[in-house]
């Protein structure tokens, strides 16, 4: 494979399924790891240069950020499905319209969040019981992020288009550049300019904007497979409607997870700054641990979408088996690392021995759950790629709202002690493990019921 073909669209409807999936997944995995560097660099640098309270502030801001951006992230998922199916069907006009609508939707979403985000920041932080010692830092972090949200929206949408075309390598390259810039700007803004959490937010905004520009330049040059110009960047009701129909259930899924995180964050905040900081560093390590699962889930969505567009259903079923085995193998390695080496990972974030010890105890409770998530992600990716984004949404609703949140509060109630008057932190992470396990069971059942197959055959016939 020459350098030019490496950074180009990839046809996943030919060749051994496991090879196509792995070729696509590895760059995506590296890209997702680089994306995680944004938040992780923020946490490491503020934890080291400002202190544990600043670390807690960045973590407390994340669920609100995730909630307000969730719907758009879902729409980007829907865009990737439409693009992959159009590319698999070799439909140049449909592909052109899809990409143009993606850009138009990104512009509209950016304006909406830039206006509404700063208005709801402080009320939401107050509602969640954010400690007074960190609430202003949280607000500063969020407001800067919202004012510069255009980079986030366009990068996520345009990189989703690239991946829908099978080009995960270009998205990786652009993200690596932005991640390196983000780390450098973090150090300059926080260590040299002493801007605190506002500095890390500003660094992220600038870096995401650059990655978005790089994605756009790449897409403009792909005129061999579709056309991109100012004229094509417009809303076409039928195309936008399909993107939204596929994307909104995924967005609701993300929003539900974010809301559940906010509800549990209220419980976390009640447990004090040490537990808040513990939750932050665990979630940062969790972000890396989840990356293989998310990467294979996204890969299965694109792989399935392209093969559905091409009408190659046998390849879809083969891909489920082969992709599932690869994902489970990666998750097993991650689990072993967390069980035996998490102490050294947490030492990157803080030198406080009490905090490291608590985090190690909690992550060991969660570790095996990553294998369960690998199954859920692969099956969910197949369903979404086939056009069934509703089933994964319901699975998420059940596992987060019906299971995770009530279990967390019940466990907290029954583990109250003198040391933890609001409940043992085990409630936060034990409830996650339970919800992940039951989510895997539900995914297997829903996949076997076959609603996604009907959507697959209908999409191919359209």
Protein backbone atom coordinates (compact mmCIF):
# COMPACT_ATOMS: atom_id res chain seq x y z
CA UNK A 1 0.00 0.00 0.00
CA UNK A 2 1.58 3.34 -1.08
CA UNK A 3 1.43 6.55 0.95
CA UNK A 4 -1.29 8.12 -1.20
CA UNK A 5 -3.63 5.14 -0.87
CA UNK A 6 -3.03 5.05 2.87
CA UNK A 7 -4.55 8.55 3.20
CA UNK A 8 -7.58 7.88 1.01
CA UNK A 9 -11.09 6.40 1.14
CA UNK A 10 -11.15 2.63 1.76
CA UNK A 11 -13.59 0.15 0.27
CA UNK A 12 -14.52 -2.28 3.07
CA UNK A 13 -16.76 -4.39 0.83
CA UNK A 14 -13.83 -6.48 -0.46
CA UNK A 15 -11.15 -8.63 1.19
CA UNK A 16 -11.06 -10.58 4.46
CA UNK A 17 -13.47 -8.95 6.95
CA UNK A 18 -11.07 -9.18 9.92
CA UNK A 19 -8.32 -7.52 7.88
CA UNK A 20 -10.53 -4.65 6.69
CA UNK A 21 -11.85 -4.13 10.24
CA UNK A 22 -8.38 -4.17 11.77
CA UNK A 23 -6.91 -1.87 9.11
CA UNK A 24 -9.65 0.63 9.84
CA UNK A 25 -9.68 0.17 13.62
CA UNK A 26 -5.99 0.65 14.41
CA UNK A 27 -5.77 4.23 13.04
CA UNK A 28 -9.13 4.97 14.65
CA UNK A 29 -7.88 3.59 17.96
CA UNK A 30 -4.78 5.76 17.78
CA UNK A 31 -6.99 8.71 16.85
CA UNK A 32 -9.33 8.11 19.78
CA UNK A 33 -6.33 7.83 22.08
CA UNK A 34 -5.08 11.17 20.76
CA UNK A 35 -8.54 12.67 21.32
CA UNK A 36 -8.43 11.44 24.90
CA UNK A 37 -5.13 13.27 25.30
CA UNK A 38 -7.07 16.53 25.20
CA UNK A 39 -8.80 15.93 28.50
CA UNK A 40 -5.99 13.88 30.01
CA UNK A 41 -3.39 16.59 29.34
CA UNK A 42 -5.79 19.05 30.94
CA UNK A 43 -6.07 16.90 34.05
CA UNK A 44 -2.37 16.11 34.40
CA UNK A 45 -1.26 19.69 33.93
CA UNK A 46 -3.82 21.35 36.22
CA UNK A 47 -3.31 18.60 38.81
CA UNK A 48 0.44 19.17 38.80
CA UNK A 49 0.60 22.95 38.39
CA UNK A 50 -2.57 24.15 40.13
CA UNK A 51 -3.66 21.38 42.53
CA UNK A 52 -6.24 18.69 43.26
CA UNK A 53 -9.13 21.19 43.44
CA UNK A 54 -8.41 22.36 39.90
CA UNK A 55 -8.32 18.70 38.88
CA UNK A 56 -11.73 18.25 40.49
CA UNK A 57 -13.03 21.36 38.67
CA UNK A 58 -12.12 20.00 35.22
CA UNK A 59 -13.79 16.69 36.07
CA UNK A 60 -16.94 18.29 37.46
CA UNK A 61 -17.36 20.31 34.28
CA UNK A 62 -17.21 17.26 32.00
CA UNK A 63 -20.74 15.84 32.54
CA UNK A 64 -22.33 19.22 31.74
CA UNK A 65 -20.18 19.51 28.64
CA UNK A 66 -21.13 15.99 27.58
CA UNK A 67 -24.83 16.70 28.09
CA UNK A 68 -24.94 19.86 26.00
CA UNK A 69 -22.89 18.33 23.18
CA UNK A 70 -24.50 14.88 23.24
CA UNK A 71 -27.17 15.44 20.60
CA UNK A 72 -24.68 16.74 18.07
CA UNK A 73 -22.29 13.85 18.65
CA UNK A 74 -25.21 11.57 17.83
CA UNK A 75 -26.01 13.50 14.66
CA UNK A 76 -22.38 13.04 13.61
CA UNK A 77 -22.90 9.29 14.07
CA UNK A 78 -25.94 9.43 11.80
CA UNK A 79 -23.91 11.35 9.22
CA UNK A 80 -21.24 8.65 9.25
CA UNK A 81 -23.85 5.96 8.61
CA UNK A 82 -25.38 7.84 5.66
CA UNK A 83 -21.94 8.51 4.19
CA UNK A 84 -20.78 4.90 4.55
CA UNK A 85 -23.93 3.51 2.94
CA UNK A 86 -23.73 6.00 0.05
CA UNK A 87 -20.05 5.22 -0.48
CA UNK A 88 -20.71 1.47 -0.40
CA UNK A 89 -23.43 1.92 -3.01
CA UNK A 90 -21.05 4.04 -5.18
CA UNK A 91 -23.66 6.85 -5.16
CA UNK A 92 -21.65 10.01 -5.98
CA UNK A 93 -24.62 12.39 -5.90
CA UNK A 94 -25.93 10.96 -2.64
CA UNK A 95 -22.46 11.23 -1.13
CA UNK A 96 -22.11 14.85 -2.24
CA UNK A 97 -25.46 15.78 -0.72
CA UNK A 98 -24.64 13.95 2.51
CA UNK A 99 -21.34 15.78 3.03
CA UNK A 100 -22.90 19.15 2.20
CA UNK A 101 -25.70 18.62 4.69
CA UNK A 102 -23.20 17.57 7.36
CA UNK A 103 -21.40 20.91 7.06
CA UNK A 104 -24.65 22.88 7.14
CA UNK A 105 -25.86 21.03 10.24
CA UNK A 106 -22.51 21.68 11.97
CA UNK A 107 -22.80 25.42 11.35
CA UNK A 108 -26.34 25.56 12.78
CA UNK A 109 -25.42 23.51 15.86
CA UNK A 110 -22.39 25.73 16.56
CA UNK A 111 -24.52 28.88 16.69
CA UNK A 112 -27.09 27.25 18.98
CA UNK A 113 -24.52 26.05 21.54
CA UNK A 114 -22.51 29.29 21.48
CA UNK A 115 -25.68 31.11 22.55
CA UNK A 116 -27.28 28.65 24.97
CA UNK A 117 -24.20 27.06 26.55
CA UNK A 118 -22.93 30.04 28.58
CA UNK A 119 -26.50 30.85 29.71
CA UNK A 120 -27.02 27.49 31.42
CA UNK A 121 -23.51 26.85 32.78
CA UNK A 122 -23.79 28.39 36.25
CA UNK A 123 -27.41 27.24 36.89
CA UNK A 124 -26.44 23.64 36.08
CA UNK A 125 -23.31 23.76 38.24
CA UNK A 126 -25.39 25.13 41.14
CA UNK A 127 -28.11 22.51 40.61
CA UNK A 128 -25.50 19.75 40.79
CA UNK A 129 -24.21 20.98 44.13
CA UNK A 130 -20.74 21.79 42.81
CA UNK A 131 -18.56 22.78 45.80
CA UNK A 132 -18.07 26.53 46.21
CA UNK A 133 -14.31 26.06 46.13
CA UNK A 134 -14.34 24.93 42.49
CA UNK A 135 -17.59 26.27 40.96
CA UNK A 136 -16.05 29.39 39.35
CA UNK A 137 -13.23 27.34 37.84
CA UNK A 138 -15.84 24.96 36.37
CA UNK A 139 -17.78 27.88 34.91
CA UNK A 140 -14.66 29.43 33.34
CA UNK A 141 -13.69 26.10 31.77
CA UNK A 142 -17.14 25.53 30.27
CA UNK A 143 -17.78 29.06 28.99
CA UNK A 144 -14.54 29.22 27.02
CA UNK A 145 -15.29 25.80 25.55
CA UNK A 146 -18.77 26.87 24.45
CA UNK A 147 -17.60 30.12 22.86
CA UNK A 148 -15.13 28.14 20.79
CA UNK A 149 -17.40 25.18 20.09
CA UNK A 150 -17.29 25.53 16.30
CA UNK A 151 -13.99 23.62 16.13
CA UNK A 152 -15.39 20.71 18.15
CA UNK A 153 -18.52 20.44 16.00
CA UNK A 154 -16.79 20.65 12.66
CA UNK A 155 -13.99 18.28 13.63
CA UNK A 156 -16.40 15.61 14.90
CA UNK A 157 -18.67 15.90 11.88
CA UNK A 158 -15.94 16.07 9.22
CA UNK A 159 -13.80 13.33 10.77
CA UNK A 160 -16.99 11.24 10.92
CA UNK A 161 -17.39 11.80 7.17
CA UNK A 162 -13.78 10.73 6.57
CA UNK A 163 -14.32 7.58 8.60
CA UNK A 164 -17.56 6.85 6.79
CA UNK A 165 -15.45 6.86 3.64
CA UNK A 166 -13.11 4.34 5.25
CA UNK A 167 -10.32 6.90 5.72
CA UNK A 168 -9.43 6.63 9.41
CA UNK A 169 -5.73 7.38 8.72
CA UNK A 170 -6.25 11.02 7.67
CA UNK A 171 -8.45 11.66 10.70
CA UNK A 172 -5.67 10.18 12.85
CA UNK A 173 -2.99 12.38 11.32
CA UNK A 174 -4.99 15.57 11.83
CA UNK A 175 -5.82 14.65 15.39
CA UNK A 176 -2.22 13.86 16.29
CA UNK A 177 -1.20 17.33 15.16
CA UNK A 178 -3.97 18.90 17.21
CA UNK A 179 -3.21 16.75 20.28
CA UNK A 180 0.45 17.73 20.25
CA UNK A 181 -0.53 21.38 19.91
CA UNK A 182 -3.02 21.01 22.75
CA UNK A 183 -0.39 19.66 25.15
CA UNK A 184 2.03 22.44 24.21
CA UNK A 185 -0.59 25.15 24.67
CA UNK A 186 -1.69 23.61 27.98
CA UNK A 187 1.83 23.99 29.33
CA UNK A 188 2.18 27.55 28.01
CA UNK A 189 -1.21 28.78 29.24
CA UNK A 190 -1.13 27.07 32.65
CA UNK A 191 2.55 26.84 33.62
CA UNK A 192 3.79 30.06 32.00
CA UNK A 193 0.72 32.34 31.86
CA UNK A 194 -0.90 30.93 35.05
CA UNK A 195 -4.36 30.89 33.46
CA UNK A 196 -5.54 27.85 35.47
CA UNK A 197 -8.45 25.77 34.16
CA UNK A 198 -9.37 28.55 31.72
CA UNK A 199 -6.01 27.99 30.04
CA UNK A 200 -6.60 24.30 29.38
CA UNK A 201 -10.03 25.03 27.95
CA UNK A 202 -8.60 27.67 25.62
CA UNK A 203 -5.86 25.27 24.51
CA UNK A 204 -8.45 22.63 23.65
CA UNK A 205 -10.60 25.08 21.68
CA UNK A 206 -7.66 26.23 19.55
CA UNK A 207 -6.46 22.68 18.91
CA UNK A 208 -9.88 21.42 17.89
CA UNK A 209 -10.31 24.34 15.51
CA UNK A 210 -7.07 23.46 13.73
CA UNK A 211 -8.03 19.79 13.40
CA UNK A 212 -11.38 20.85 11.88
CA UNK A 213 -9.65 23.01 9.27
CA UNK A 214 -7.34 20.13 8.33
CA UNK A 215 -10.31 17.77 7.88
CA UNK A 216 -12.07 20.29 5.64
CA UNK A 217 -9.01 20.75 3.42
CA UNK A 218 -8.75 16.98 3.02
CA UNK A 219 -12.41 16.64 2.02
CA UNK A 220 -12.14 19.44 -0.55
CA UNK A 221 -9.37 17.45 -2.26
CA UNK A 222 -11.44 14.25 -2.51
CA UNK A 223 -13.17 15.39 -5.71
CA UNK A 224 -12.61 11.98 -7.30
CA UNK A 225 -15.48 10.49 -5.27
CA UNK A 226 -17.74 13.48 -4.44
CA UNK A 227 -18.08 17.24 -4.98
CA UNK A 228 -17.63 19.80 -2.21
CA UNK A 229 -18.26 23.49 -2.81
CA UNK A 230 -20.20 26.37 -1.27
CA UNK A 231 -23.22 25.38 -3.39
CA UNK A 232 -23.32 21.86 -1.94
CA UNK A 233 -23.16 23.10 1.68
CA UNK A 234 -26.90 23.45 2.11
CA UNK A 235 -29.74 21.69 3.84
CA UNK A 236 -31.75 19.27 1.71
CA UNK A 237 -34.76 18.19 3.80
CA UNK A 238 -34.72 14.54 2.70
CA UNK A 239 -30.98 14.12 3.32
CA UNK A 240 -30.90 16.10 6.57
CA UNK A 241 -33.98 14.21 7.71
CA UNK A 242 -32.25 10.87 7.16
CA UNK A 243 -29.12 12.03 8.99
CA UNK A 244 -31.22 13.28 11.91
CA UNK A 245 -33.43 10.17 11.94
CA UNK A 246 -30.36 7.97 12.27
CA UNK A 247 -28.43 10.37 14.48
CA UNK A 248 -30.97 11.58 17.02
CA UNK A 249 -31.37 8.17 18.73
CA UNK A 250 -27.58 8.05 19.09
CA UNK A 251 -27.68 11.61 20.40
CA UNK A 252 -30.36 10.66 22.91
CA UNK A 253 -28.16 7.75 23.96
CA UNK A 254 -25.26 10.14 24.58
CA UNK A 255 -27.54 12.60 26.38
CA UNK A 256 -28.95 9.90 28.63
CA UNK A 257 -25.47 8.77 29.57
CA UNK A 258 -24.49 12.38 30.26
CA UNK A 259 -27.60 13.00 32.38
CA UNK A 260 -26.98 9.82 34.31
CA UNK A 261 -23.43 11.01 34.84
CA UNK A 262 -24.75 14.33 36.14
CA UNK A 263 -27.15 12.61 38.54
CA UNK A 264 -24.35 10.40 39.84
CA UNK A 265 -22.07 13.47 39.93
CA UNK A 266 -24.45 14.99 42.45
CA UNK A 267 -23.77 11.95 44.64
CA UNK A 268 -20.04 12.23 43.93
CA UNK A 269 -19.96 15.92 44.90
CA UNK A 270 -21.60 15.08 48.22
CA UNK A 271 -18.72 12.72 49.02
CA UNK A 272 -16.20 15.57 48.97
CA UNK A 273 -13.19 16.82 47.01
CA UNK A 274 -11.07 13.67 47.46
CA UNK A 275 -13.74 11.44 45.92
CA UNK A 276 -14.36 14.02 43.17
CA UNK A 277 -10.67 14.02 42.31
CA UNK A 278 -10.62 10.21 42.48
CA UNK A 279 -13.51 10.09 40.04
CA UNK A 280 -11.68 12.46 37.70
CA UNK A 281 -8.47 10.42 37.44
CA UNK A 282 -10.38 7.15 37.13
CA UNK A 283 -12.49 8.58 34.32
CA UNK A 284 -9.34 9.79 32.56
CA UNK A 285 -7.81 6.31 32.69
CA UNK A 286 -11.22 4.85 31.83
CA UNK A 287 -11.25 7.08 28.76
CA UNK A 288 -8.13 5.36 27.48
CA UNK A 289 -9.35 1.90 28.50
CA UNK A 290 -12.59 2.45 26.58
CA UNK A 291 -10.86 3.52 23.38
CA UNK A 292 -10.40 0.04 21.85
CA UNK A 293 -14.06 -0.72 22.52
CA UNK A 294 -15.27 2.54 20.99
CA UNK A 295 -12.88 2.15 18.06
CA UNK A 296 -14.12 -1.33 17.18
CA UNK A 297 -17.71 -0.21 17.66
CA UNK A 298 -17.18 2.66 15.20
CA UNK A 299 -15.31 0.36 12.82
CA UNK A 300 -18.18 -2.14 12.83
CA UNK A 301 -20.63 0.67 12.11
CA UNK A 302 -18.68 1.84 9.04
CA UNK A 303 -17.93 -1.72 7.90
CA UNK A 304 -21.59 -2.67 8.20
CA UNK A 305 -22.79 0.53 6.53
CA UNK A 306 -20.58 0.08 3.49
CA UNK A 307 -21.52 -3.58 3.05
CA UNK A 308 -25.22 -2.83 3.51
CA UNK A 309 -24.92 -0.16 0.82
CA UNK A 310 -23.27 -2.73 -1.46
CA UNK A 311 -25.87 -5.39 -0.60
CA UNK A 312 -23.22 -7.79 0.73
CA UNK A 313 -25.06 -9.18 3.74
CA UNK A 314 -22.92 -12.30 4.17
CA UNK A 315 -19.92 -10.05 4.83
CA UNK A 316 -21.87 -8.30 7.57
CA UNK A 317 -22.43 -11.56 9.46
CA UNK A 318 -18.82 -12.65 8.98
CA UNK A 319 -17.63 -9.29 10.22
CA UNK A 320 -19.65 -9.58 13.44
CA UNK A 321 -17.86 -12.78 14.43
CA UNK A 322 -14.38 -11.73 13.40
CA UNK A 323 -14.65 -8.16 14.69
CA UNK A 324 -16.12 -9.37 17.98
CA UNK A 325 -13.22 -11.72 18.65
CA UNK A 326 -10.65 -9.02 17.95
CA UNK A 327 -12.43 -6.51 20.21
CA UNK A 328 -12.70 -9.02 23.08
CA UNK A 329 -8.97 -9.80 22.80
CA UNK A 330 -8.06 -6.11 23.09
CA UNK A 331 -10.41 -5.67 26.06
CA UNK A 332 -8.84 -8.62 27.86
CA UNK A 333 -5.38 -7.07 27.57
CA UNK A 334 -6.75 -3.76 28.92
CA UNK A 335 -8.31 -5.56 31.88
CA UNK A 336 -5.02 -7.24 32.79
CA UNK A 337 -3.18 -3.89 32.64
CA UNK A 338 -5.72 -2.22 34.92
CA UNK A 339 -5.66 -5.03 37.45
CA UNK A 340 -1.89 -5.02 37.84
CA UNK A 341 -0.54 -1.62 36.78
CA UNK A 342 -3.21 0.98 37.59
CA UNK A 343 -1.16 2.36 40.51
CA UNK A 344 1.49 3.61 38.11
CA UNK A 345 -1.09 5.09 35.76
CA UNK A 346 -2.73 7.16 38.50
CA UNK A 347 0.67 8.47 39.65
CA UNK A 348 0.76 10.57 36.47
CA UNK A 349 -2.15 12.64 37.78
CA UNK A 350 -1.33 13.14 41.45
CA UNK A 351 1.28 12.43 44.11
CA UNK A 352 -1.32 12.15 46.89
CA UNK A 353 -1.03 8.55 48.18
CA UNK A 354 -4.55 8.52 49.65
CA UNK A 355 -6.02 9.51 46.29
CA UNK A 356 -3.97 6.92 44.37
CA UNK A 357 -4.91 4.15 46.79
CA UNK A 358 -8.63 4.94 46.55
CA UNK A 359 -8.49 5.09 42.75
CA UNK A 360 -6.69 1.72 42.54
CA UNK A 361 -9.34 0.08 44.72
CA UNK A 362 -12.13 1.47 42.54
CA UNK A 363 -10.63 0.67 39.13
CA UNK A 364 -10.12 -2.96 40.13
CA UNK A 365 -13.85 -3.21 40.73
CA UNK A 366 -14.51 -1.99 37.17
CA UNK A 367 -11.73 -3.78 35.27
CA UNK A 368 -13.51 -6.91 34.00
CA UNK A 369 -16.38 -4.76 32.79
CA UNK A 370 -14.34 -3.62 29.81
CA UNK A 371 -14.72 -7.07 28.28
CA UNK A 372 -18.49 -6.75 28.62
CA UNK A 373 -18.38 -3.33 26.98
CA UNK A 374 -16.43 -4.76 24.02
CA UNK A 375 -19.37 -7.05 23.20
CA UNK A 376 -21.90 -4.22 23.63
CA UNK A 377 -19.93 -1.86 21.39
CA UNK A 378 -19.43 -4.34 18.55
CA UNK A 379 -23.08 -5.39 18.45
CA UNK A 380 -24.23 -1.79 18.81
CA UNK A 381 -21.95 -0.75 15.95
CA UNK A 382 -23.44 -3.42 13.69
CA UNK A 383 -26.99 -2.34 14.53
CA UNK A 384 -26.21 1.34 13.88
CA UNK A 385 -24.39 0.59 10.62
CA UNK A 386 -27.43 -1.37 9.45
CA UNK A 387 -29.64 1.65 10.18
CA UNK A 388 -31.06 0.56 13.53
CA UNK A 389 -29.98 3.30 15.93
CA UNK A 390 -33.09 2.91 18.11
CA UNK A 391 -32.23 -0.47 19.66
CA UNK A 392 -28.86 0.70 21.06
CA UNK A 393 -30.68 3.76 22.41
CA UNK A 394 -33.11 1.64 24.42
CA UNK A 395 -30.31 -0.55 25.71
CA UNK A 396 -28.57 2.60 26.94
CA UNK A 397 -31.74 3.90 28.60
CA UNK A 398 -32.22 0.67 30.51
CA UNK A 399 -28.61 0.28 31.59
CA UNK A 400 -28.13 3.89 32.70
CA UNK A 401 -31.51 5.14 33.93
CA UNK A 402 -33.13 1.91 35.12
CA UNK A 403 -29.99 0.18 36.41
CA UNK A 404 -26.90 2.36 36.97
CA UNK A 405 -28.39 5.43 38.70
CA UNK A 406 -30.73 3.62 41.16
CA UNK A 407 -28.07 1.04 42.01
CA UNK A 408 -25.52 3.80 42.74
CA UNK A 409 -27.85 5.54 45.19
CA UNK A 410 -28.98 2.31 46.85
CA UNK A 411 -25.38 1.18 47.30
CA UNK A 412 -24.43 4.60 48.68
CA UNK A 413 -27.26 4.44 51.20
CA UNK A 414 -26.23 1.03 52.53
CA UNK A 415 -22.50 1.81 52.67
CA UNK A 416 -22.65 4.97 54.78
CA UNK A 417 -20.04 5.05 57.51
CA UNK A 418 -18.12 7.47 59.71
CA UNK A 419 -15.42 7.71 57.05
CA UNK A 420 -17.98 8.07 54.24
CA UNK A 421 -21.16 9.68 55.65
CA UNK A 422 -22.66 9.96 52.16
CA UNK A 423 -21.75 6.41 51.13
CA UNK A 424 -18.63 4.51 50.09
CA UNK A 425 -17.21 5.44 46.64
CA UNK A 426 -17.71 1.77 45.73
CA UNK A 427 -21.30 2.80 44.97
CA UNK A 428 -20.11 4.95 42.06
CA UNK A 429 -17.99 2.30 40.40
CA UNK A 430 -19.72 -0.90 41.47
CA UNK A 431 -22.92 0.41 39.87
CA UNK A 432 -20.98 0.96 36.63
CA UNK A 433 -19.75 -2.63 36.63
CA UNK A 434 -23.27 -3.96 37.16
CA UNK A 435 -24.73 -1.80 34.38
CA UNK A 436 -21.97 -2.81 31.93
CA UNK A 437 -22.58 -6.50 32.57
CA UNK A 438 -26.33 -6.26 32.14
CA UNK A 439 -25.84 -4.05 29.07
CA UNK A 440 -23.88 -6.84 27.41
CA UNK A 441 -26.65 -9.34 28.16
CA UNK A 442 -29.30 -6.99 26.72
CA UNK A 443 -27.20 -6.33 23.60
CA UNK A 444 -26.89 -10.04 22.88
CA UNK A 445 -30.64 -10.53 23.31
CA UNK A 446 -31.59 -7.54 21.11
CA UNK A 447 -29.07 -8.53 18.43
CA UNK A 448 -30.52 -12.06 18.34
CA UNK A 449 -34.08 -10.68 18.01
CA UNK A 450 -33.04 -9.27 14.62
CA UNK A 451 -34.76 -5.89 14.31
CA UNK A 452 -31.51 -4.56 12.84
CA UNK A 453 -31.69 -7.12 10.01
CA UNK A 454 -34.99 -5.67 8.81
CA UNK A 455 -33.45 -2.21 8.78
CA UNK A 456 -30.45 -3.58 6.87
CA UNK A 457 -32.52 -5.16 4.11
CA UNK A 458 -34.72 -2.05 3.86
CA UNK A 459 -31.69 0.27 3.55
CA UNK A 460 -30.19 -1.89 0.80
CA UNK A 461 -33.47 -1.90 -1.12
CA UNK A 462 -33.93 1.90 -0.89
